[in-house]
PDB file of all heavy atoms in Angstrom:
ATOM      1  N   TRP A   1     -12.084  39.373 -18.912  1.00  0.00           N
ATOM      2  CA  TRP A   1     -12.968  38.223 -18.935  1.00  0.00           C
ATOM      3  C   TRP A   1     -12.677  37.353 -17.718  1.00  0.00           C
ATOM      4  O   TRP A   1     -11.509  37.101 -17.389  1.00  0.00           O
ATOM      5  CB  TRP A   1     -12.770  37.408 -20.211  1.00  0.00           C
ATOM      6  CG  TRP A   1     -13.264  38.075 -21.453  1.00  0.00           C
ATOM      7  CD1 TRP A   1     -12.547  38.844 -22.320  1.00  0.00           C
ATOM      8  CD2 TRP A   1     -14.594  38.040 -21.975  1.00  0.00           C
ATOM      9  NE1 TRP A   1     -13.357  39.286 -23.345  1.00  0.00           N
ATOM     10  CE2 TRP A   1     -14.619  38.805 -23.160  1.00  0.00           C
ATOM     11  CE3 TRP A   1     -15.788  37.431 -21.557  1.00  0.00           C
ATOM     12  CZ2 TRP A   1     -15.771  38.972 -23.920  1.00  0.00           C
ATOM     13  CZ3 TRP A   1     -16.930  37.604 -22.331  1.00  0.00           C
ATOM     14  CH2 TRP A   1     -16.919  38.361 -23.492  1.00  0.00           C
ATOM     15  N   PHE A   2     -13.734  36.912 -17.095  1.00  0.00           N
ATOM     16  CA  PHE A   2     -13.669  35.984 -15.983  1.00  0.00           C
ATOM     17  C   PHE A   2     -14.627  34.837 -16.282  1.00  0.00           C
ATOM     18  O   PHE A   2     -15.457  34.941 -17.188  1.00  0.00           O
ATOM     19  CB  PHE A   2     -14.096  36.682 -14.676  1.00  0.00           C
ATOM     20  CG  PHE A   2     -13.162  37.763 -14.233  1.00  0.00           C
ATOM     21  CD1 PHE A   2     -13.108  38.991 -14.882  1.00  0.00           C
ATOM     22  CD2 PHE A   2     -12.327  37.563 -13.146  1.00  0.00           C
ATOM     23  CE1 PHE A   2     -12.248  39.991 -14.481  1.00  0.00           C
ATOM     24  CE2 PHE A   2     -11.455  38.566 -12.718  1.00  0.00           C
ATOM     25  CZ  PHE A   2     -11.418  39.773 -13.391  1.00  0.00           C
ATOM     26  N   ARG A   3     -14.501  33.761 -15.531  1.00  0.00           N
ATOM     27  CA  ARG A   3     -15.424  32.650 -15.743  1.00  0.00           C
ATOM     28  C   ARG A   3     -15.745  31.977 -14.415  1.00  0.00           C
ATOM     29  O   ARG A   3     -14.973  32.058 -13.456  1.00  0.00           O
ATOM     30  CB  ARG A   3     -14.847  31.641 -16.730  1.00  0.00           C
ATOM     31  CG  ARG A   3     -13.681  30.829 -16.194  1.00  0.00           C
ATOM     32  CD  ARG A   3     -13.109  29.939 -17.300  1.00  0.00           C
ATOM     33  NE  ARG A   3     -12.095  29.015 -16.793  1.00  0.00           N
ATOM     34  CZ  ARG A   3     -11.384  28.209 -17.559  1.00  0.00           C
ATOM     35  NH1 ARG A   3     -11.547  28.205 -18.891  1.00  0.00           N
ATOM     36  NH2 ARG A   3     -10.503  27.393 -17.022  1.00  0.00           N
ATOM     37  N   GLN A   4     -16.890  31.306 -14.398  1.00  0.00           N
ATOM     38  CA  GLN A   4     -17.292  30.551 -13.213  1.00  0.00           C
ATOM     39  C   GLN A   4     -17.886  29.229 -13.660  1.00  0.00           C
ATOM     40  O   GLN A   4     -18.931  29.204 -14.333  1.00  0.00           O
ATOM     41  CB  GLN A   4     -18.295  31.336 -12.363  1.00  0.00           C
ATOM     42  CG  GLN A   4     -18.615  30.658 -11.049  1.00  0.00           C
ATOM     43  CD  GLN A   4     -19.357  31.571 -10.089  1.00  0.00           C
ATOM     44  OE1 GLN A   4     -19.948  32.575 -10.493  1.00  0.00           O
ATOM     45  NE2 GLN A   4     -19.309  31.245  -8.814  1.00  0.00           N
ATOM     46  N   ALA A   5     -17.224  28.166 -13.294  1.00  0.00           N
ATOM     47  CA  ALA A   5     -17.694  26.822 -13.597  1.00  0.00           C
ATOM     48  C   ALA A   5     -18.663  26.360 -12.509  1.00  0.00           C
ATOM     49  O   ALA A   5     -18.624  26.872 -11.379  1.00  0.00           O
ATOM     50  CB  ALA A   5     -16.518  25.861 -13.692  1.00  0.00           C
ATOM     51  N   PRO A   6     -19.527  25.406 -12.812  1.00  0.00           N
ATOM     52  CA  PRO A   6     -20.478  24.918 -11.814  1.00  0.00           C
ATOM     53  C   PRO A   6     -19.773  24.446 -10.555  1.00  0.00           C
ATOM     54  O   PRO A   6     -18.824  23.651 -10.621  1.00  0.00           O
ATOM     55  CB  PRO A   6     -21.173  23.761 -12.535  1.00  0.00           C
ATOM     56  CG  PRO A   6     -21.044  24.086 -13.974  1.00  0.00           C
ATOM     57  CD  PRO A   6     -19.715  24.765 -14.116  1.00  0.00           C
ATOM     58  N   GLY A   7     -20.213  24.953  -9.414  1.00  0.00           N
ATOM     59  CA  GLY A   7     -19.655  24.531  -8.141  1.00  0.00           C
ATOM     60  C   GLY A   7     -18.302  25.111  -7.803  1.00  0.00           C
ATOM     61  O   GLY A   7     -17.696  24.739  -6.796  1.00  0.00           O
ATOM     62  N   LYS A   8     -17.820  26.030  -8.639  1.00  0.00           N
ATOM     63  CA  LYS A   8     -16.512  26.621  -8.397  1.00  0.00           C
ATOM     64  C   LYS A   8     -16.617  28.135  -8.268  1.00  0.00           C
ATOM     65  O   LYS A   8     -17.610  28.737  -8.646  1.00  0.00           O
ATOM     66  CB  LYS A   8     -15.548  26.254  -9.528  1.00  0.00           C
ATOM     67  CG  LYS A   8     -15.239  24.769  -9.632  1.00  0.00           C
ATOM     68  CD  LYS A   8     -14.172  24.504 -10.662  1.00  0.00           C
ATOM     69  CE  LYS A   8     -13.793  23.043 -10.718  1.00  0.00           C
ATOM     70  NZ  LYS A   8     -12.720  22.783 -11.707  1.00  0.00           N
ATOM     71  N   GLU A   9     -15.557  28.729  -7.728  1.00  0.00           N
ATOM     72  CA  GLU A   9     -15.525  30.177  -7.614  1.00  0.00           C
ATOM     73  C   GLU A   9     -15.186  30.814  -8.968  1.00  0.00           C
ATOM     74  O   GLU A   9     -14.565  30.198  -9.830  1.00  0.00           O
ATOM     75  CB  GLU A   9     -14.497  30.597  -6.557  1.00  0.00           C
ATOM     76  CG  GLU A   9     -14.869  30.167  -5.149  1.00  0.00           C
ATOM     77  CD  GLU A   9     -13.897  30.702  -4.109  1.00  0.00           C
ATOM     78  OE1 GLU A   9     -12.868  31.281  -4.497  1.00  0.00           O
ATOM     79  OE2 GLU A   9     -14.179  30.543  -2.911  1.00  0.00           O
ATOM     80  N   ARG A  10     -15.563  32.064  -9.088  1.00  0.00           N
ATOM     81  CA  ARG A  10     -15.213  32.817 -10.281  1.00  0.00           C
ATOM     82  C   ARG A  10     -13.696  32.954 -10.367  1.00  0.00           C
ATOM     83  O   ARG A  10     -13.028  33.156  -9.355  1.00  0.00           O
ATOM     84  CB  ARG A  10     -15.859  34.190 -10.230  1.00  0.00           C
ATOM     85  CG  ARG A  10     -15.662  35.036 -11.465  1.00  0.00           C
ATOM     86  CD  ARG A  10     -16.273  36.396 -11.257  1.00  0.00           C
ATOM     87  NE  ARG A  10     -15.584  37.133 -10.199  1.00  0.00           N
ATOM     88  CZ  ARG A  10     -16.102  38.177  -9.554  1.00  0.00           C
ATOM     89  NH1 ARG A  10     -17.317  38.589  -9.875  1.00  0.00           N
ATOM     90  NH2 ARG A  10     -15.414  38.792  -8.624  1.00  0.00           N
ATOM     91  N   GLU A  11     -13.164  32.874 -11.596  1.00  0.00           N
ATOM     92  CA  GLU A  11     -11.726  33.008 -11.763  1.00  0.00           C
ATOM     93  C   GLU A  11     -11.391  33.921 -12.938  1.00  0.00           C
ATOM     94  O   GLU A  11     -12.150  34.037 -13.905  1.00  0.00           O
ATOM     95  CB  GLU A  11     -11.073  31.639 -11.971  1.00  0.00           C
ATOM     96  CG  GLU A  11     -11.543  30.877 -13.193  1.00  0.00           C
ATOM     97  CD  GLU A  11     -10.922  29.487 -13.274  1.00  0.00           C
ATOM     98  OE1 GLU A  11     -10.059  29.131 -12.449  1.00  0.00           O
ATOM     99  OE2 GLU A  11     -11.296  28.732 -14.212  1.00  0.00           O
ATOM    100  N   PHE A  12     -10.240  34.541 -12.826  1.00  0.00           N
ATOM    101  CA  PHE A  12      -9.731  35.427 -13.862  1.00  0.00           C
ATOM    102  C   PHE A  12      -9.340  34.635 -15.097  1.00  0.00           C
ATOM    103  O   PHE A  12      -8.762  33.551 -14.991  1.00  0.00           O
ATOM    104  CB  PHE A  12      -8.524  36.187 -13.309  1.00  0.00           C
ATOM    105  CG  PHE A  12      -7.687  36.853 -14.350  1.00  0.00           C
ATOM    106  CD1 PHE A  12      -8.096  38.031 -14.953  1.00  0.00           C
ATOM    107  CD2 PHE A  12      -6.475  36.303 -14.730  1.00  0.00           C
ATOM    108  CE1 PHE A  12      -7.327  38.644 -15.911  1.00  0.00           C
ATOM    109  CE2 PHE A  12      -5.682  36.906 -15.686  1.00  0.00           C
ATOM    110  CZ  PHE A  12      -6.104  38.082 -16.279  1.00  0.00           C
ATOM    111  N   VAL A  13      -9.630  35.196 -16.280  1.00  0.00           N
ATOM    112  CA  VAL A  13      -9.242  34.579 -17.544  1.00  0.00           C
ATOM    113  C   VAL A  13      -8.256  35.469 -18.304  1.00  0.00           C
ATOM    114  O   VAL A  13      -7.169  35.022 -18.656  1.00  0.00           O
ATOM    115  CB  VAL A  13     -10.474  34.304 -18.427  1.00  0.00           C
ATOM    116  CG1 VAL A  13     -10.047  33.777 -19.795  1.00  0.00           C
ATOM    117  CG2 VAL A  13     -11.414  33.319 -17.747  1.00  0.00           C
ATOM    118  N   ALA A  14      -8.630  36.719 -18.547  1.00  0.00           N
ATOM    119  CA  ALA A  14      -7.780  37.610 -19.332  1.00  0.00           C
ATOM    120  C   ALA A  14      -8.178  39.056 -19.076  1.00  0.00           C
ATOM    121  O   ALA A  14      -9.322  39.334 -18.717  1.00  0.00           O
ATOM    122  CB  ALA A  14      -7.897  37.294 -20.821  1.00  0.00           C
ATOM    123  N   VAL A  15      -7.218  39.966 -19.265  1.00  0.00           N
ATOM    124  CA  VAL A  15      -7.482  41.398 -19.105  1.00  0.00           C
ATOM    125  C   VAL A  15      -6.698  42.156 -20.160  1.00  0.00           C
ATOM    126  O   VAL A  15      -5.603  41.738 -20.561  1.00  0.00           O
ATOM    127  CB  VAL A  15      -7.120  41.877 -17.688  1.00  0.00           C
ATOM    128  CG1 VAL A  15      -5.630  41.756 -17.424  1.00  0.00           C
ATOM    129  CG2 VAL A  15      -7.594  43.304 -17.449  1.00  0.00           C
ATOM    130  N   ILE A  16      -7.267  43.271 -20.605  1.00  0.00           N
ATOM    131  CA  ILE A  16      -6.614  44.113 -21.609  1.00  0.00           C
ATOM    132  C   ILE A  16      -6.723  45.565 -21.169  1.00  0.00           C
ATOM    133  O   ILE A  16      -7.779  46.009 -20.713  1.00  0.00           O
ATOM    134  CB  ILE A  16      -7.230  43.885 -23.003  1.00  0.00           C
ATOM    135  CG1 ILE A  16      -6.471  44.643 -24.085  1.00  0.00           C
ATOM    136  CG2 ILE A  16      -8.718  44.238 -23.032  1.00  0.00           C
ATOM    137  CD1 ILE A  16      -6.848  44.206 -25.508  1.00  0.00           C
ATOM    138  N   GLY A  17      -5.622  46.298 -21.289  1.00  0.00           N
ATOM    139  CA  GLY A  17      -5.601  47.685 -20.890  1.00  0.00           C
ATOM    140  C   GLY A  17      -6.351  48.592 -21.852  1.00  0.00           C
ATOM    141  O   GLY A  17      -6.869  48.156 -22.878  1.00  0.00           O
ATOM    142  N   ARG A  18      -6.409  49.859 -21.504  1.00  0.00           N
ATOM    143  CA  ARG A  18      -7.244  50.816 -22.229  1.00  0.00           C
ATOM    144  C   ARG A  18      -6.859  50.961 -23.686  1.00  0.00           C
ATOM    145  O   ARG A  18      -7.734  51.102 -24.549  1.00  0.00           O
ATOM    146  CB  ARG A  18      -7.185  52.165 -21.525  1.00  0.00           C
ATOM    147  CG  ARG A  18      -7.832  52.148 -20.148  1.00  0.00           C
ATOM    148  CD  ARG A  18      -7.376  53.300 -19.270  1.00  0.00           C
ATOM    149  NE  ARG A  18      -7.952  53.219 -17.933  1.00  0.00           N
ATOM    150  CZ  ARG A  18      -7.523  52.402 -16.997  1.00  0.00           C
ATOM    151  NH1 ARG A  18      -6.512  51.591 -17.231  1.00  0.00           N
ATOM    152  NH2 ARG A  18      -8.113  52.392 -15.810  1.00  0.00           N
ATOM    153  N   SER A  19      -5.581  50.945 -23.969  1.00  0.00           N
ATOM    154  CA  SER A  19      -5.132  51.115 -25.355  1.00  0.00           C
ATOM    155  C   SER A  19      -5.030  49.794 -26.104  1.00  0.00           C
ATOM    156  O   SER A  19      -4.913  49.787 -27.332  1.00  0.00           O
ATOM    157  CB  SER A  19      -3.769  51.795 -25.374  1.00  0.00           C
ATOM    158  OG  SER A  19      -2.795  50.934 -24.809  1.00  0.00           O
ATOM    159  N   GLY A  20      -5.077  48.714 -25.365  1.00  0.00           N
ATOM    160  CA  GLY A  20      -4.921  47.385 -25.967  1.00  0.00           C
ATOM    161  C   GLY A  20      -3.491  46.892 -25.987  1.00  0.00           C
ATOM    162  O   GLY A  20      -3.229  45.769 -26.413  1.00  0.00           O
ATOM    163  N   ASN A  21      -2.561  47.705 -25.498  1.00  0.00           N
ATOM    164  CA  ASN A  21      -1.149  47.317 -25.534  1.00  0.00           C
ATOM    165  C   ASN A  21      -0.745  46.406 -24.374  1.00  0.00           C
ATOM    166  O   ASN A  21       0.213  45.644 -24.483  1.00  0.00           O
ATOM    167  CB  ASN A  21      -0.262  48.557 -25.527  1.00  0.00           C
ATOM    168  CG  ASN A  21      -0.389  49.359 -26.808  1.00  0.00           C
ATOM    169  OD1 ASN A  21      -0.671  48.809 -27.863  1.00  0.00           O
ATOM    170  ND2 ASN A  21      -0.185  50.659 -26.716  1.00  0.00           N
ATOM    171  N   ASN A  22      -1.432  46.506 -23.273  1.00  0.00           N
ATOM    172  CA  ASN A  22      -1.114  45.684 -22.099  1.00  0.00           C
ATOM    173  C   ASN A  22      -2.158  44.596 -21.944  1.00  0.00           C
ATOM    174  O   ASN A  22      -3.363  44.883 -21.901  1.00  0.00           O
ATOM    175  CB  ASN A  22      -1.082  46.560 -20.841  1.00  0.00           C
ATOM    176  CG  ASN A  22       0.052  47.562 -20.893  1.00  0.00           C
ATOM    177  OD1 ASN A  22       1.131  47.266 -21.389  1.00  0.00           O
ATOM    178  ND2 ASN A  22      -0.192  48.757 -20.392  1.00  0.00           N
ATOM    179  N   ILE A  23      -1.679  43.369 -21.858  1.00  0.00           N
ATOM    180  CA  ILE A  23      -2.561  42.208 -21.781  1.00  0.00           C
ATOM    181  C   ILE A  23      -1.986  41.212 -20.786  1.00  0.00           C
ATOM    182  O   ILE A  23      -0.764  41.071 -20.672  1.00  0.00           O
ATOM    183  CB  ILE A  23      -2.709  41.539 -23.170  1.00  0.00           C
ATOM    184  CG1 ILE A  23      -3.513  42.432 -24.118  1.00  0.00           C
ATOM    185  CG2 ILE A  23      -3.354  40.170 -23.074  1.00  0.00           C
ATOM    186  CD1 ILE A  23      -3.574  41.927 -25.543  1.00  0.00           C
ATOM    187  N   ASP A  24      -2.859  40.516 -20.091  1.00  0.00           N
ATOM    188  CA  ASP A  24      -2.427  39.444 -19.208  1.00  0.00           C
ATOM    189  C   ASP A  24      -3.440  38.314 -19.281  1.00  0.00           C
ATOM    190  O   ASP A  24      -4.631  38.553 -19.506  1.00  0.00           O
ATOM    191  CB  ASP A  24      -2.288  39.947 -17.776  1.00  0.00           C
ATOM    192  CG  ASP A  24      -1.446  39.014 -16.918  1.00  0.00           C
ATOM    193  OD1 ASP A  24      -0.884  38.034 -17.454  1.00  0.00           O
ATOM    194  OD2 ASP A  24      -1.355  39.250 -15.699  1.00  0.00           O
ATOM    195  N   TYR A  25      -2.954  37.091 -19.100  1.00  0.00           N
ATOM    196  CA  TYR A  25      -3.787  35.903 -19.156  1.00  0.00           C
ATOM    197  C   TYR A  25      -3.554  35.018 -17.950  1.00  0.00           C
ATOM    198  O   TYR A  25      -2.458  34.984 -17.388  1.00  0.00           O
ATOM    199  CB  TYR A  25      -3.464  35.066 -20.406  1.00  0.00           C
ATOM    200  CG  TYR A  25      -3.749  35.716 -21.726  1.00  0.00           C
ATOM    201  CD1 TYR A  25      -2.739  36.321 -22.456  1.00  0.00           C
ATOM    202  CD2 TYR A  25      -5.035  35.700 -22.265  1.00  0.00           C
ATOM    203  CE1 TYR A  25      -2.992  36.911 -23.678  1.00  0.00           C
ATOM    204  CE2 TYR A  25      -5.303  36.281 -23.497  1.00  0.00           C
ATOM    205  CZ  TYR A  25      -4.274  36.890 -24.196  1.00  0.00           C
ATOM    206  OH  TYR A  25      -4.537  37.466 -25.412  1.00  0.00           O
ATOM    207  N   ALA A  26      -4.586  34.269 -17.605  1.00  0.00           N
ATOM    208  CA  ALA A  26      -4.395  33.192 -16.645  1.00  0.00           C
ATOM    209  C   ALA A  26      -3.544  32.110 -17.300  1.00  0.00           C
ATOM    210  O   ALA A  26      -3.625  31.884 -18.519  1.00  0.00           O
ATOM    211  CB  ALA A  26      -5.744  32.615 -16.233  1.00  0.00           C
ATOM    212  N   ASP A  27      -2.733  31.448 -16.500  1.00  0.00           N
ATOM    213  CA  ASP A  27      -1.822  30.441 -17.055  1.00  0.00           C
ATOM    214  C   ASP A  27      -2.567  29.354 -17.831  1.00  0.00           C
ATOM    215  O   ASP A  27      -2.066  28.846 -18.835  1.00  0.00           O
ATOM    216  CB  ASP A  27      -0.999  29.811 -15.929  1.00  0.00           C
ATOM    217  CG  ASP A  27       0.064  30.759 -15.396  1.00  0.00           C
ATOM    218  OD1 ASP A  27       0.396  31.743 -16.086  1.00  0.00           O
ATOM    219  OD2 ASP A  27       0.573  30.496 -14.282  1.00  0.00           O
ATOM    220  N   PHE A  28      -3.753  28.995 -17.377  1.00  0.00           N
ATOM    221  CA  PHE A  28      -4.442  27.857 -17.981  1.00  0.00           C
ATOM    222  C   PHE A  28      -5.039  28.186 -19.361  1.00  0.00           C
ATOM    223  O   PHE A  28      -5.531  27.298 -20.044  1.00  0.00           O
ATOM    224  CB  PHE A  28      -5.539  27.313 -17.061  1.00  0.00           C
ATOM    225  CG  PHE A  28      -6.549  28.329 -16.607  1.00  0.00           C
ATOM    226  CD1 PHE A  28      -7.582  28.742 -17.437  1.00  0.00           C
ATOM    227  CD2 PHE A  28      -6.459  28.867 -15.332  1.00  0.00           C
ATOM    228  CE1 PHE A  28      -8.507  29.669 -17.012  1.00  0.00           C
ATOM    229  CE2 PHE A  28      -7.390  29.803 -14.886  1.00  0.00           C
ATOM    230  CZ  PHE A  28      -8.409  30.207 -15.728  1.00  0.00           C
ATOM    231  N   VAL A  29      -4.975  29.451 -19.805  1.00  0.00           N
ATOM    232  CA  VAL A  29      -5.474  29.788 -21.137  1.00  0.00           C
ATOM    233  C   VAL A  29      -4.391  30.330 -22.071  1.00  0.00           C
ATOM    234  O   VAL A  29      -4.658  30.556 -23.251  1.00  0.00           O
ATOM    235  CB  VAL A  29      -6.656  30.785 -21.089  1.00  0.00           C
ATOM    236  CG1 VAL A  29      -7.792  30.228 -20.255  1.00  0.00           C
ATOM    237  CG2 VAL A  29      -6.195  32.152 -20.605  1.00  0.00           C
ATOM    238  N   LYS A  30      -3.193  30.503 -21.553  1.00  0.00           N
ATOM    239  CA  LYS A  30      -2.118  31.038 -22.385  1.00  0.00           C
ATOM    240  C   LYS A  30      -1.852  30.123 -23.572  1.00  0.00           C
ATOM    241  O   LYS A  30      -1.745  28.915 -23.428  1.00  0.00           O
ATOM    242  CB  LYS A  30      -0.852  31.211 -21.550  1.00  0.00           C
ATOM    243  CG  LYS A  30      -0.900  32.410 -20.611  1.00  0.00           C
ATOM    244  CD  LYS A  30       0.402  32.575 -19.834  1.00  0.00           C
ATOM    245  CE  LYS A  30       0.325  33.800 -18.920  1.00  0.00           C
ATOM    246  NZ  LYS A  30       1.545  33.956 -18.100  1.00  0.00           N
ATOM    247  N   GLY A  31      -1.785  30.728 -24.747  1.00  0.00           N
ATOM    248  CA  GLY A  31      -1.572  29.968 -25.965  1.00  0.00           C
ATOM    249  C   GLY A  31      -2.838  29.462 -26.612  1.00  0.00           C
ATOM    250  O   GLY A  31      -2.804  28.980 -27.751  1.00  0.00           O
ATOM    251  N   ARG A  32      -3.950  29.549 -25.898  1.00  0.00           N
ATOM    252  CA  ARG A  32      -5.224  29.063 -26.441  1.00  0.00           C
ATOM    253  C   ARG A  32      -6.243  30.191 -26.635  1.00  0.00           C
ATOM    254  O   ARG A  32      -7.015  30.182 -27.585  1.00  0.00           O
ATOM    255  CB  ARG A  32      -5.834  28.008 -25.522  1.00  0.00           C
ATOM    256  CG  ARG A  32      -4.976  26.779 -25.330  1.00  0.00           C
ATOM    257  CD  ARG A  32      -5.747  25.667 -24.611  1.00  0.00           C
ATOM    258  NE  ARG A  32      -6.185  26.075 -23.287  1.00  0.00           N
ATOM    259  CZ  ARG A  32      -7.451  25.991 -22.863  1.00  0.00           C
ATOM    260  NH1 ARG A  32      -8.389  25.532 -23.671  1.00  0.00           N
ATOM    261  NH2 ARG A  32      -7.765  26.361 -21.643  1.00  0.00           N
ATOM    262  N   PHE A  33      -6.280  31.145 -25.708  1.00  0.00           N
ATOM    263  CA  PHE A  33      -7.246  32.245 -25.747  1.00  0.00           C
ATOM    264  C   PHE A  33      -6.529  33.540 -26.106  1.00  0.00           C
ATOM    265  O   PHE A  33      -5.371  33.749 -25.742  1.00  0.00           O
ATOM    266  CB  PHE A  33      -7.923  32.424 -24.389  1.00  0.00           C
ATOM    267  CG  PHE A  33      -8.842  31.317 -23.972  1.00  0.00           C
ATOM    268  CD1 PHE A  33      -8.919  30.120 -24.655  1.00  0.00           C
ATOM    269  CD2 PHE A  33      -9.651  31.472 -22.854  1.00  0.00           C
ATOM    270  CE1 PHE A  33      -9.768  29.101 -24.256  1.00  0.00           C
ATOM    271  CE2 PHE A  33     -10.512  30.469 -22.427  1.00  0.00           C
ATOM    272  CZ  PHE A  33     -10.571  29.278 -23.137  1.00  0.00           C
ATOM    273  N   THR A  34      -7.253  34.419 -26.791  1.00  0.00           N
ATOM    274  CA  THR A  34      -6.727  35.734 -27.134  1.00  0.00           C
ATOM    275  C   THR A  34      -7.779  36.800 -26.840  1.00  0.00           C
ATOM    276  O   THR A  34      -8.908  36.707 -27.330  1.00  0.00           O
ATOM    277  CB  THR A  34      -6.349  35.813 -28.620  1.00  0.00           C
ATOM    278  OG1 THR A  34      -5.374  34.804 -28.921  1.00  0.00           O
ATOM    279  CG2 THR A  34      -5.760  37.181 -28.952  1.00  0.00           C
ATOM    280  N   ILE A  35      -7.394  37.774 -26.030  1.00  0.00           N
ATOM    281  CA  ILE A  35      -8.278  38.900 -25.749  1.00  0.00           C
ATOM    282  C   ILE A  35      -7.891  40.054 -26.663  1.00  0.00           C
ATOM    283  O   ILE A  35      -6.704  40.279 -26.942  1.00  0.00           O
ATOM    284  CB  ILE A  35      -8.209  39.319 -24.267  1.00  0.00           C
ATOM    285  CG1 ILE A  35      -9.287  40.359 -23.948  1.00  0.00           C
ATOM    286  CG2 ILE A  35      -6.825  39.824 -23.887  1.00  0.00           C
ATOM    287  CD1 ILE A  35      -9.418  40.659 -22.452  1.00  0.00           C
ATOM    288  N   SER A  36      -8.886  40.782 -27.133  1.00  0.00           N
ATOM    289  CA  SER A  36      -8.634  41.945 -27.983  1.00  0.00           C
ATOM    290  C   SER A  36      -9.764  42.943 -27.795  1.00  0.00           C
ATOM    291  O   SER A  36     -10.815  42.605 -27.228  1.00  0.00           O
ATOM    292  CB  SER A  36      -8.511  41.532 -29.454  1.00  0.00           C
ATOM    293  OG  SER A  36      -9.717  40.968 -29.924  1.00  0.00           O
ATOM    294  N   ARG A  37      -9.551  44.154 -28.251  1.00  0.00           N
ATOM    295  CA  ARG A  37     -10.595  45.162 -28.151  1.00  0.00           C
ATOM    296  C   ARG A  37     -10.598  46.015 -29.412  1.00  0.00           C
ATOM    297  O   ARG A  37      -9.549  46.243 -30.016  1.00  0.00           O
ATOM    298  CB  ARG A  37     -10.414  46.041 -26.907  1.00  0.00           C
ATOM    299  CG  ARG A  37      -9.170  46.878 -26.865  1.00  0.00           C
ATOM    300  CD  ARG A  37      -8.988  47.514 -25.485  1.00  0.00           C
ATOM    301  NE  ARG A  37     -10.031  48.497 -25.202  1.00  0.00           N
ATOM    302  CZ  ARG A  37     -10.339  48.910 -23.965  1.00  0.00           C
ATOM    303  NH1 ARG A  37      -9.684  48.434 -22.919  1.00  0.00           N
ATOM    304  NH2 ARG A  37     -11.297  49.814 -23.791  1.00  0.00           N
ATOM    305  N   ASP A  38     -11.783  46.475 -29.775  1.00  0.00           N
ATOM    306  CA  ASP A  38     -11.959  47.401 -30.878  1.00  0.00           C
ATOM    307  C   ASP A  38     -12.558  48.668 -30.292  1.00  0.00           C
ATOM    308  O   ASP A  38     -13.771  48.715 -30.021  1.00  0.00           O
ATOM    309  CB  ASP A  38     -12.878  46.784 -31.941  1.00  0.00           C
ATOM    310  CG  ASP A  38     -12.978  47.642 -33.193  1.00  0.00           C
ATOM    311  OD1 ASP A  38     -12.777  48.861 -33.095  1.00  0.00           O
ATOM    312  OD2 ASP A  38     -13.269  47.067 -34.257  1.00  0.00           O
TER     313      ASP A  38
END
């Protein structure tokens, strides 16, 4: 997931690997956002 706010560049939010075991977040969403896959 990425996001782009008005007037700003697109930025990374979260990524999840193929199996769902590897995940990474942008610092500004850690503890608030959760990425998952089914």
